Amino acid sequence: WDNGGSALYTQITALLAEKGIFWTKNTIITLLSRLI
């Protein structure tokens, strides 16, 4: 949402890192799949 409503995986990981969140790729992909 903060990225204007869309983002690529690399943007998502960078934005999470800015918030101090460092999840593994598998965790992020799993969460994204659940949201889909």
PDB file of all heavy atoms in Angstrom:
ATOM      1  N   TRP A   1       0.844  -1.204   0.000  1.00  0.00           N
ATOM      2  CA  TRP A   1       0.000   0.000   0.000  1.00  0.00           C
ATOM      3  C   TRP A   1       0.874   1.247   0.000  1.00  0.00           C
ATOM      4  O   TRP A   1       0.618   2.194  -0.750  1.00  0.00           O
ATOM      5  CB  TRP A   1      -0.914   0.036   1.221  1.00  0.00           C
ATOM      6  CG  TRP A   1      -2.125  -0.848   1.160  1.00  0.00           C
ATOM      7  CD1 TRP A   1      -2.907  -1.097   0.062  1.00  0.00           C
ATOM      8  CD2 TRP A   1      -2.713  -1.574   2.231  1.00  0.00           C
ATOM      9  NE1 TRP A   1      -3.936  -1.943   0.397  1.00  0.00           N
ATOM     10  CE2 TRP A   1      -3.852  -2.250   1.728  1.00  0.00           C
ATOM     11  CE3 TRP A   1      -2.403  -1.722   3.584  1.00  0.00           C
ATOM     12  CZ2 TRP A   1      -4.664  -3.053   2.514  1.00  0.00           C
ATOM     13  CZ3 TRP A   1      -3.215  -2.522   4.371  1.00  0.00           C
ATOM     14  CH2 TRP A   1      -4.328  -3.182   3.837  1.00  0.00           C
ATOM     15  N   ASP A   2       1.908   1.263   0.837  1.00  0.00           N
ATOM     16  CA  ASP A   2       2.804   2.422   0.929  1.00  0.00           C
ATOM     17  C   ASP A   2       3.600   2.648  -0.349  1.00  0.00           C
ATOM     18  O   ASP A   2       4.114   3.738  -0.578  1.00  0.00           O
ATOM     19  CB  ASP A   2       3.771   2.279   2.105  1.00  0.00           C
ATOM     20  CG  ASP A   2       3.074   2.402   3.461  1.00  0.00           C
ATOM     21  OD1 ASP A   2       1.909   2.855   3.498  1.00  0.00           O
ATOM     22  OD2 ASP A   2       3.700   2.029   4.472  1.00  0.00           O
ATOM     23  N   ASN A   3       3.693   1.609  -1.176  1.00  0.00           N
ATOM     24  CA  ASN A   3       4.435   1.704  -2.436  1.00  0.00           C
ATOM     25  C   ASN A   3       3.496   2.039  -3.606  1.00  0.00           C
ATOM     26  O   ASN A   3       3.833   1.827  -4.756  1.00  0.00           O
ATOM     27  CB  ASN A   3       5.182   0.385  -2.702  1.00  0.00           C
ATOM     28  CG  ASN A   3       6.282   0.536  -3.717  1.00  0.00           C
ATOM     29  OD1 ASN A   3       7.164   1.368  -3.571  1.00  0.00           O
ATOM     30  ND2 ASN A   3       6.230  -0.280  -4.770  1.00  0.00           N
ATOM     31  N   GLY A   4       2.323   2.542  -3.303  1.00  0.00           N
ATOM     32  CA  GLY A   4       1.395   2.936  -4.356  1.00  0.00           C
ATOM     33  C   GLY A   4       0.454   1.834  -4.805  1.00  0.00           C
ATOM     34  O   GLY A   4      -0.222   1.972  -5.822  1.00  0.00           O
ATOM     35  N   GLY A   5       0.432   0.711  -4.092  1.00  0.00           N
ATOM     36  CA  GLY A   5      -0.513  -0.356  -4.416  1.00  0.00           C
ATOM     37  C   GLY A   5       0.049  -1.489  -5.234  1.00  0.00           C
ATOM     38  O   GLY A   5      -0.664  -2.442  -5.537  1.00  0.00           O
ATOM     39  N   SER A   6       1.327  -1.409  -5.596  1.00  0.00           N
ATOM     40  CA  SER A   6       1.955  -2.524  -6.312  1.00  0.00           C
ATOM     41  C   SER A   6       3.454  -2.516  -6.030  1.00  0.00           C
ATOM     42  O   SER A   6       4.029  -1.475  -5.710  1.00  0.00           O
ATOM     43  CB  SER A   6       1.700  -2.442  -7.815  1.00  0.00           C
ATOM     44  OG  SER A   6       2.387  -1.343  -8.368  1.00  0.00           O
ATOM     45  N   ALA A   7       4.051  -3.707  -6.127  1.00  0.00           N
ATOM     46  CA  ALA A   7       5.493  -3.812  -5.874  1.00  0.00           C
ATOM     47  C   ALA A   7       6.028  -5.126  -6.417  1.00  0.00           C
ATOM     48  O   ALA A   7       5.315  -6.135  -6.460  1.00  0.00           O
ATOM     49  CB  ALA A   7       5.783  -3.716  -4.376  1.00  0.00           C
ATOM     50  N   LEU A   8       7.270  -5.092  -6.811  1.00  0.00           N
ATOM     51  CA  LEU A   8       7.998  -6.300  -7.186  1.00  0.00           C
ATOM     52  C   LEU A   8       8.592  -6.912  -5.921  1.00  0.00           C
ATOM     53  O   LEU A   8       8.744  -6.229  -4.907  1.00  0.00           O
ATOM     54  CB  LEU A   8       9.115  -5.963  -8.174  1.00  0.00           C
ATOM     55  CG  LEU A   8       8.686  -5.337  -9.496  1.00  0.00           C
ATOM     56  CD1 LEU A   8       9.900  -4.833 -10.268  1.00  0.00           C
ATOM     57  CD2 LEU A   8       7.897  -6.340 -10.335  1.00  0.00           C
ATOM     58  N   TYR A   9       8.952  -8.185  -5.987  1.00  0.00           N
ATOM     59  CA  TYR A   9       9.520  -8.866  -4.828  1.00  0.00           C
ATOM     60  C   TYR A   9      10.720  -8.096  -4.260  1.00  0.00           C
ATOM     61  O   TYR A   9      10.805  -7.906  -3.043  1.00  0.00           O
ATOM     62  CB  TYR A   9       9.935 -10.301  -5.206  1.00  0.00           C
ATOM     63  CG  TYR A   9      10.682 -10.993  -4.109  1.00  0.00           C
ATOM     64  CD1 TYR A   9      10.003 -11.581  -3.049  1.00  0.00           C
ATOM     65  CD2 TYR A   9      12.075 -11.026  -4.104  1.00  0.00           C
ATOM     66  CE1 TYR A   9      10.687 -12.192  -2.012  1.00  0.00           C
ATOM     67  CE2 TYR A   9      12.766 -11.632  -3.067  1.00  0.00           C
ATOM     68  CZ  TYR A   9      12.065 -12.210  -2.028  1.00  0.00           C
ATOM     69  OH  TYR A   9      12.756 -12.810  -1.004  1.00  0.00           O
ATOM     70  N   THR A  10      11.619  -7.617  -5.128  1.00  0.00           N
ATOM     71  CA  THR A  10      12.809  -6.902  -4.643  1.00  0.00           C
ATOM     72  C   THR A  10      12.432  -5.613  -3.914  1.00  0.00           C
ATOM     73  O   THR A  10      13.067  -5.251  -2.937  1.00  0.00           O
ATOM     74  CB  THR A  10      13.786  -6.581  -5.796  1.00  0.00           C
ATOM     75  OG1 THR A  10      13.070  -5.881  -6.829  1.00  0.00           O
ATOM     76  CG2 THR A  10      14.394  -7.840  -6.381  1.00  0.00           C
ATOM     77  N   GLN A  11      11.394  -4.945  -4.390  1.00  0.00           N
ATOM     78  CA  GLN A  11      10.923  -3.745  -3.705  1.00  0.00           C
ATOM     79  C   GLN A  11      10.340  -4.098  -2.339  1.00  0.00           C
ATOM     80  O   GLN A  11      10.576  -3.391  -1.357  1.00  0.00           O
ATOM     81  CB  GLN A  11       9.859  -3.029  -4.549  1.00  0.00           C
ATOM     82  CG  GLN A  11      10.388  -2.439  -5.835  1.00  0.00           C
ATOM     83  CD  GLN A  11       9.270  -1.914  -6.713  1.00  0.00           C
ATOM     84  OE1 GLN A  11       8.295  -2.620  -6.981  1.00  0.00           O
ATOM     85  NE2 GLN A  11       9.408  -0.666  -7.154  1.00  0.00           N
ATOM     86  N   ILE A  12       9.607  -5.193  -2.287  1.00  0.00           N
ATOM     87  CA  ILE A  12       9.000  -5.630  -1.023  1.00  0.00           C
ATOM     88  C   ILE A  12      10.085  -5.924   0.002  1.00  0.00           C
ATOM     89  O   ILE A  12      10.001  -5.461   1.145  1.00  0.00           O
ATOM     90  CB  ILE A  12       8.082  -6.853  -1.250  1.00  0.00           C
ATOM     91  CG1 ILE A  12       6.862  -6.442  -2.074  1.00  0.00           C
ATOM     92  CG2 ILE A  12       7.671  -7.488   0.088  1.00  0.00           C
ATOM     93  CD1 ILE A  12       6.025  -7.603  -2.593  1.00  0.00           C
ATOM     94  N   THR A  13      11.123  -6.658  -0.394  1.00  0.00           N
ATOM     95  CA  THR A  13      12.183  -6.990   0.565  1.00  0.00           C
ATOM     96  C   THR A  13      12.913  -5.733   1.023  1.00  0.00           C
ATOM     97  O   THR A  13      13.255  -5.611   2.195  1.00  0.00           O
ATOM     98  CB  THR A  13      13.186  -8.008  -0.017  1.00  0.00           C
ATOM     99  OG1 THR A  13      13.740  -7.497  -1.233  1.00  0.00           O
ATOM    100  CG2 THR A  13      12.527  -9.355  -0.273  1.00  0.00           C
ATOM    101  N   ALA A  14      13.130  -4.787   0.121  1.00  0.00           N
ATOM    102  CA  ALA A  14      13.797  -3.530   0.493  1.00  0.00           C
ATOM    103  C   ALA A  14      12.936  -2.721   1.461  1.00  0.00           C
ATOM    104  O   ALA A  14      13.445  -2.174   2.449  1.00  0.00           O
ATOM    105  CB  ALA A  14      14.115  -2.707  -0.760  1.00  0.00           C
ATOM    106  N   LEU A  15      11.634  -2.650   1.197  1.00  0.00           N
ATOM    107  CA  LEU A  15      10.729  -1.905   2.070  1.00  0.00           C
ATOM    108  C   LEU A  15      10.606  -2.568   3.441  1.00  0.00           C
ATOM    109  O   LEU A  15      10.543  -1.878   4.462  1.00  0.00           O
ATOM    110  CB  LEU A  15       9.353  -1.770   1.415  1.00  0.00           C
ATOM    111  CG  LEU A  15       9.326  -0.889   0.159  1.00  0.00           C
ATOM    112  CD1 LEU A  15       8.026  -1.084  -0.611  1.00  0.00           C
ATOM    113  CD2 LEU A  15       9.509   0.582   0.526  1.00  0.00           C
ATOM    114  N   LEU A  16      10.592  -3.894   3.472  1.00  0.00           N
ATOM    115  CA  LEU A  16      10.568  -4.605   4.752  1.00  0.00           C
ATOM    116  C   LEU A  16      11.855  -4.333   5.533  1.00  0.00           C
ATOM    117  O   LEU A  16      11.819  -4.097   6.739  1.00  0.00           O
ATOM    118  CB  LEU A  16      10.388  -6.109   4.539  1.00  0.00           C
ATOM    119  CG  LEU A  16       8.996  -6.576   4.111  1.00  0.00           C
ATOM    120  CD1 LEU A  16       9.028  -8.051   3.724  1.00  0.00           C
ATOM    121  CD2 LEU A  16       7.965  -6.340   5.197  1.00  0.00           C
ATOM    122  N   ALA A  17      12.984  -4.357   4.824  1.00  0.00           N
ATOM    123  CA  ALA A  17      14.276  -4.110   5.478  1.00  0.00           C
ATOM    124  C   ALA A  17      14.317  -2.712   6.097  1.00  0.00           C
ATOM    125  O   ALA A  17      14.880  -2.527   7.181  1.00  0.00           O
ATOM    126  CB  ALA A  17      15.415  -4.294   4.480  1.00  0.00           C
ATOM    127  N   GLU A  18      13.716  -1.732   5.415  1.00  0.00           N
ATOM    128  CA  GLU A  18      13.643  -0.372   5.965  1.00  0.00           C
ATOM    129  C   GLU A  18      12.891  -0.345   7.290  1.00  0.00           C
ATOM    130  O   GLU A  18      13.140   0.511   8.133  1.00  0.00           O
ATOM    131  CB  GLU A  18      12.951   0.575   4.975  1.00  0.00           C
ATOM    132  CG  GLU A  18      13.800   0.938   3.778  1.00  0.00           C
ATOM    133  CD  GLU A  18      13.040   1.816   2.791  1.00  0.00           C
ATOM    134  OE1 GLU A  18      11.968   2.378   3.145  1.00  0.00           O
ATOM    135  OE2 GLU A  18      13.511   1.948   1.642  1.00  0.00           O
ATOM    136  N   LYS A  19      11.958  -1.287   7.460  1.00  0.00           N
ATOM    137  CA  LYS A  19      11.185  -1.394   8.705  1.00  0.00           C
ATOM    138  C   LYS A  19      11.872  -2.308   9.719  1.00  0.00           C
ATOM    139  O   LYS A  19      11.326  -2.566  10.780  1.00  0.00           O
ATOM    140  CB  LYS A  19       9.784  -1.952   8.409  1.00  0.00           C
ATOM    141  CG  LYS A  19       8.891  -1.041   7.628  1.00  0.00           C
ATOM    142  CD  LYS A  19       7.544  -1.736   7.405  1.00  0.00           C
ATOM    143  CE  LYS A  19       6.445  -0.704   7.443  1.00  0.00           C
ATOM    144  NZ  LYS A  19       5.133  -1.289   7.658  1.00  0.00           N
ATOM    145  N   GLY A  20      13.050  -2.835   9.341  1.00  0.00           N
ATOM    146  CA  GLY A  20      13.765  -3.734  10.244  1.00  0.00           C
ATOM    147  C   GLY A  20      13.255  -5.165  10.214  1.00  0.00           C
ATOM    148  O   GLY A  20      13.489  -5.934  11.134  1.00  0.00           O
ATOM    149  N   ILE A  21      12.542  -5.524   9.147  1.00  0.00           N
ATOM    150  CA  ILE A  21      11.990  -6.875   9.006  1.00  0.00           C
ATOM    151  C   ILE A  21      12.820  -7.619   7.968  1.00  0.00           C
ATOM    152  O   ILE A  21      12.891  -7.205   6.808  1.00  0.00           O
ATOM    153  CB  ILE A  21      10.509  -6.827   8.595  1.00  0.00           C
ATOM    154  CG1 ILE A  21       9.691  -6.062   9.639  1.00  0.00           C
ATOM    155  CG2 ILE A  21       9.956  -8.232   8.371  1.00  0.00           C
ATOM    156  CD1 ILE A  21       8.252  -5.760   9.230  1.00  0.00           C
ATOM    157  N   PHE A  22      13.424  -8.723   8.385  1.00  0.00           N
ATOM    158  CA  PHE A  22      14.296  -9.503   7.497  1.00  0.00           C
ATOM    159  C   PHE A  22      13.813 -10.952   7.461  1.00  0.00           C
ATOM    160  O   PHE A  22      14.349 -11.815   8.141  1.00  0.00           O
ATOM    161  CB  PHE A  22      15.751  -9.420   7.979  1.00  0.00           C
ATOM    162  CG  PHE A  22      16.268  -8.012   8.011  1.00  0.00           C
ATOM    163  CD1 PHE A  22      16.246  -7.276   9.187  1.00  0.00           C
ATOM    164  CD2 PHE A  22      16.749  -7.403   6.859  1.00  0.00           C
ATOM    165  CE1 PHE A  22      16.703  -5.966   9.225  1.00  0.00           C
ATOM    166  CE2 PHE A  22      17.204  -6.088   6.875  1.00  0.00           C
ATOM    167  CZ  PHE A  22      17.181  -5.374   8.071  1.00  0.00           C
ATOM    168  N   TRP A  23      12.773 -11.195   6.666  1.00  0.00           N
ATOM    169  CA  TRP A  23      12.236 -12.539   6.521  1.00  0.00           C
ATOM    170  C   TRP A  23      12.956 -13.257   5.392  1.00  0.00           C
ATOM    171  O   TRP A  23      13.467 -12.625   4.460  1.00  0.00           O
ATOM    172  CB  TRP A  23      10.746 -12.488   6.202  1.00  0.00           C
ATOM    173  CG  TRP A  23       9.878 -12.018   7.327  1.00  0.00           C
ATOM    174  CD1 TRP A  23      10.083 -12.212   8.663  1.00  0.00           C
ATOM    175  CD2 TRP A  23       8.653 -11.293   7.231  1.00  0.00           C
ATOM    176  NE1 TRP A  23       9.068 -11.657   9.403  1.00  0.00           N
ATOM    177  CE2 TRP A  23       8.164 -11.087   8.544  1.00  0.00           C
ATOM    178  CE3 TRP A  23       7.913 -10.810   6.164  1.00  0.00           C
ATOM    179  CZ2 TRP A  23       6.986 -10.419   8.808  1.00  0.00           C
ATOM    180  CZ3 TRP A  23       6.728 -10.138   6.429  1.00  0.00           C
ATOM    181  CH2 TRP A  23       6.270  -9.945   7.736  1.00  0.00           C
ATOM    182  N   THR A  24      12.938 -14.590   5.432  1.00  0.00           N
ATOM    183  CA  THR A  24      13.538 -15.380   4.359  1.00  0.00           C
ATOM    184  C   THR A  24      12.661 -15.265   3.108  1.00  0.00           C
ATOM    185  O   THR A  24      11.475 -14.920   3.189  1.00  0.00           O
ATOM    186  CB  THR A  24      13.659 -16.865   4.742  1.00  0.00           C
ATOM    187  OG1 THR A  24      12.338 -17.407   4.890  1.00  0.00           O
ATOM    188  CG2 THR A  24      14.476 -17.054   6.015  1.00  0.00           C
ATOM    189  N   LYS A  25      13.260 -15.598   1.983  1.00  0.00           N
ATOM    190  CA  LYS A  25      12.517 -15.560   0.720  1.00  0.00           C
ATOM    191  C   LYS A  25      11.306 -16.488   0.787  1.00  0.00           C
ATOM    192  O   LYS A  25      10.215 -16.120   0.356  1.00  0.00           O
ATOM    193  CB  LYS A  25      13.431 -15.969  -0.444  1.00  0.00           C
ATOM    194  CG  LYS A  25      12.736 -15.949  -1.784  1.00  0.00           C
ATOM    195  CD  LYS A  25      13.665 -16.285  -2.918  1.00  0.00           C
ATOM    196  CE  LYS A  25      12.921 -16.177  -4.244  1.00  0.00           C
ATOM    197  NZ  LYS A  25      13.781 -16.420  -5.388  1.00  0.00           N
ATOM    198  N   ASN A  26      11.493 -17.692   1.346  1.00  0.00           N
ATOM    199  CA  ASN A  26      10.382 -18.640   1.447  1.00  0.00           C
ATOM    200  C   ASN A  26       9.237 -18.078   2.272  1.00  0.00           C
ATOM    201  O   ASN A  26       8.060 -18.268   1.925  1.00  0.00           O
ATOM    202  CB  ASN A  26      10.846 -19.971   2.052  1.00  0.00           C
ATOM    203  CG  ASN A  26      11.638 -20.797   1.055  1.00  0.00           C
ATOM    204  OD1 ASN A  26      11.602 -20.550  -0.134  1.00  0.00           O
ATOM    205  ND2 ASN A  26      12.355 -21.777   1.566  1.00  0.00           N
ATOM    206  N   THR A  27       9.549 -17.393   3.358  1.00  0.00           N
ATOM    207  CA  THR A  27       8.511 -16.800   4.205  1.00  0.00           C
ATOM    208  C   THR A  27       7.731 -15.748   3.428  1.00  0.00           C
ATOM    209  O   THR A  27       6.488 -15.743   3.442  1.00  0.00           O
ATOM    210  CB  THR A  27       9.134 -16.175   5.477  1.00  0.00           C
ATOM    211  OG1 THR A  27       9.765 -17.209   6.226  1.00  0.00           O
ATOM    212  CG2 THR A  27       8.086 -15.474   6.329  1.00  0.00           C
ATOM    213  N   ILE A  28       8.432 -14.880   2.745  1.00  0.00           N
ATOM    214  CA  ILE A  28       7.772 -13.808   1.979  1.00  0.00           C
ATOM    215  C   ILE A  28       6.903 -14.394   0.874  1.00  0.00           C
ATOM    216  O   ILE A  28       5.742 -13.990   0.709  1.00  0.00           O
ATOM    217  CB  ILE A  28       8.809 -12.815   1.422  1.00  0.00           C
ATOM    218  CG1 ILE A  28       9.505 -12.084   2.578  1.00  0.00           C
ATOM    219  CG2 ILE A  28       8.141 -11.815   0.464  1.00  0.00           C
ATOM    220  CD1 ILE A  28      10.698 -11.256   2.164  1.00  0.00           C
ATOM    221  N   ILE A  29       7.432 -15.359   0.131  1.00  0.00           N
ATOM    222  CA  ILE A  29       6.672 -15.972  -0.965  1.00  0.00           C
ATOM    223  C   ILE A  29       5.428 -16.681  -0.422  1.00  0.00           C
ATOM    224  O   ILE A  29       4.344 -16.594  -1.004  1.00  0.00           O
ATOM    225  CB  ILE A  29       7.560 -16.939  -1.778  1.00  0.00           C
ATOM    226  CG1 ILE A  29       8.701 -16.177  -2.470  1.00  0.00           C
ATOM    227  CG2 ILE A  29       6.743 -17.737  -2.787  1.00  0.00           C
ATOM    228  CD1 ILE A  29       8.267 -15.111  -3.457  1.00  0.00           C
ATOM    229  N   THR A  30       5.568 -17.373   0.700  1.00  0.00           N
ATOM    230  CA  THR A  30       4.421 -18.054   1.321  1.00  0.00           C
ATOM    231  C   THR A  30       3.354 -17.046   1.728  1.00  0.00           C
ATOM    232  O   THR A  30       2.159 -17.243   1.456  1.00  0.00           O
ATOM    233  CB  THR A  30       4.869 -18.878   2.549  1.00  0.00           C
ATOM    234  OG1 THR A  30       5.783 -19.888   2.108  1.00  0.00           O
ATOM    235  CG2 THR A  30       3.686 -19.523   3.263  1.00  0.00           C
ATOM    236  N   LEU A  31       3.773 -15.955   2.365  1.00  0.00           N
ATOM    237  CA  LEU A  31       2.814 -14.929   2.789  1.00  0.00           C
ATOM    238  C   LEU A  31       2.135 -14.277   1.592  1.00  0.00           C
ATOM    239  O   LEU A  31       0.921 -14.037   1.611  1.00  0.00           O
ATOM    240  CB  LEU A  31       3.508 -13.886   3.660  1.00  0.00           C
ATOM    241  CG  LEU A  31       4.007 -14.385   5.025  1.00  0.00           C
ATOM    242  CD1 LEU A  31       4.866 -13.315   5.695  1.00  0.00           C
ATOM    243  CD2 LEU A  31       2.846 -14.784   5.919  1.00  0.00           C
ATOM    244  N   LEU A  32       2.895 -13.994   0.545  1.00  0.00           N
ATOM    245  CA  LEU A  32       2.318 -13.402  -0.665  1.00  0.00           C
ATOM    246  C   LEU A  32       1.302 -14.360  -1.292  1.00  0.00           C
ATOM    247  O   LEU A  32       0.221 -13.942  -1.724  1.00  0.00           O
ATOM    248  CB  LEU A  32       3.415 -13.044  -1.671  1.00  0.00           C
ATOM    249  CG  LEU A  32       4.297 -11.858  -1.298  1.00  0.00           C
ATOM    250  CD1 LEU A  32       5.524 -11.789  -2.207  1.00  0.00           C
ATOM    251  CD2 LEU A  32       3.516 -10.555  -1.344  1.00  0.00           C
ATOM    252  N   SER A  33       1.628 -15.657  -1.311  1.00  0.00           N
ATOM    253  CA  SER A  33       0.709 -16.663  -1.862  1.00  0.00           C
ATOM    254  C   SER A  33      -0.589 -16.707  -1.071  1.00  0.00           C
ATOM    255  O   SER A  33      -1.682 -16.823  -1.649  1.00  0.00           O
ATOM    256  CB  SER A  33       1.363 -18.052  -1.855  1.00  0.00           C
ATOM    257  OG  SER A  33       2.468 -18.067  -2.715  1.00  0.00           O
ATOM    258  N   ARG A  34      -0.481 -16.613   0.241  1.00  0.00           N
ATOM    259  CA  ARG A  34      -1.686 -16.607   1.081  1.00  0.00           C
ATOM    260  C   ARG A  34      -2.552 -15.390   0.807  1.00  0.00           C
ATOM    261  O   ARG A  34      -3.785 -15.477   0.772  1.00  0.00           O
ATOM    262  CB  ARG A  34      -1.316 -16.655   2.560  1.00  0.00           C
ATOM    263  CG  ARG A  34      -0.762 -17.985   2.996  1.00  0.00           C
ATOM    264  CD  ARG A  34      -0.403 -17.958   4.461  1.00  0.00           C
ATOM    265  NE  ARG A  34       0.282 -19.175   4.852  1.00  0.00           N
ATOM    266  CZ  ARG A  34       0.969 -19.310   5.970  1.00  0.00           C
ATOM    267  NH1 ARG A  34       1.085 -18.294   6.819  1.00  0.00           N
ATOM    268  NH2 ARG A  34       1.558 -20.446   6.262  1.00  0.00           N
ATOM    269  N   LEU A  35      -1.905 -14.241   0.604  1.00  0.00           N
ATOM    270  CA  LEU A  35      -2.652 -13.019   0.303  1.00  0.00           C
ATOM    271  C   LEU A  35      -3.356 -13.118  -1.046  1.00  0.00           C
ATOM    272  O   LEU A  35      -4.455 -12.587  -1.218  1.00  0.00           O
ATOM    273  CB  LEU A  35      -1.723 -11.805   0.347  1.00  0.00           C
ATOM    274  CG  LEU A  35      -1.265 -11.409   1.750  1.00  0.00           C
ATOM    275  CD1 LEU A  35      -0.106 -10.431   1.692  1.00  0.00           C
ATOM    276  CD2 LEU A  35      -2.433 -10.831   2.552  1.00  0.00           C
ATOM    277  N   ILE A  36      -2.734 -13.815  -1.987  1.00  0.00           N
ATOM    278  CA  ILE A  36      -3.367 -14.046  -3.295  1.00  0.00           C
ATOM    279  C   ILE A  36      -4.568 -14.969  -3.125  1.00  0.00           C
ATOM    280  O   ILE A  36      -5.645 -14.713  -3.667  1.00  0.00           O
ATOM    281  CB  ILE A  36      -2.343 -14.602  -4.302  1.00  0.00           C
ATOM    282  CG1 ILE A  36      -1.303 -13.522  -4.630  1.00  0.00           C
ATOM    283  CG2 ILE A  36      -3.036 -15.110  -5.568  1.00  0.00           C
ATOM    284  CD1 ILE A  36      -0.068 -14.024  -5.341  1.00  0.00           C
TER     285      ILE A  36
END
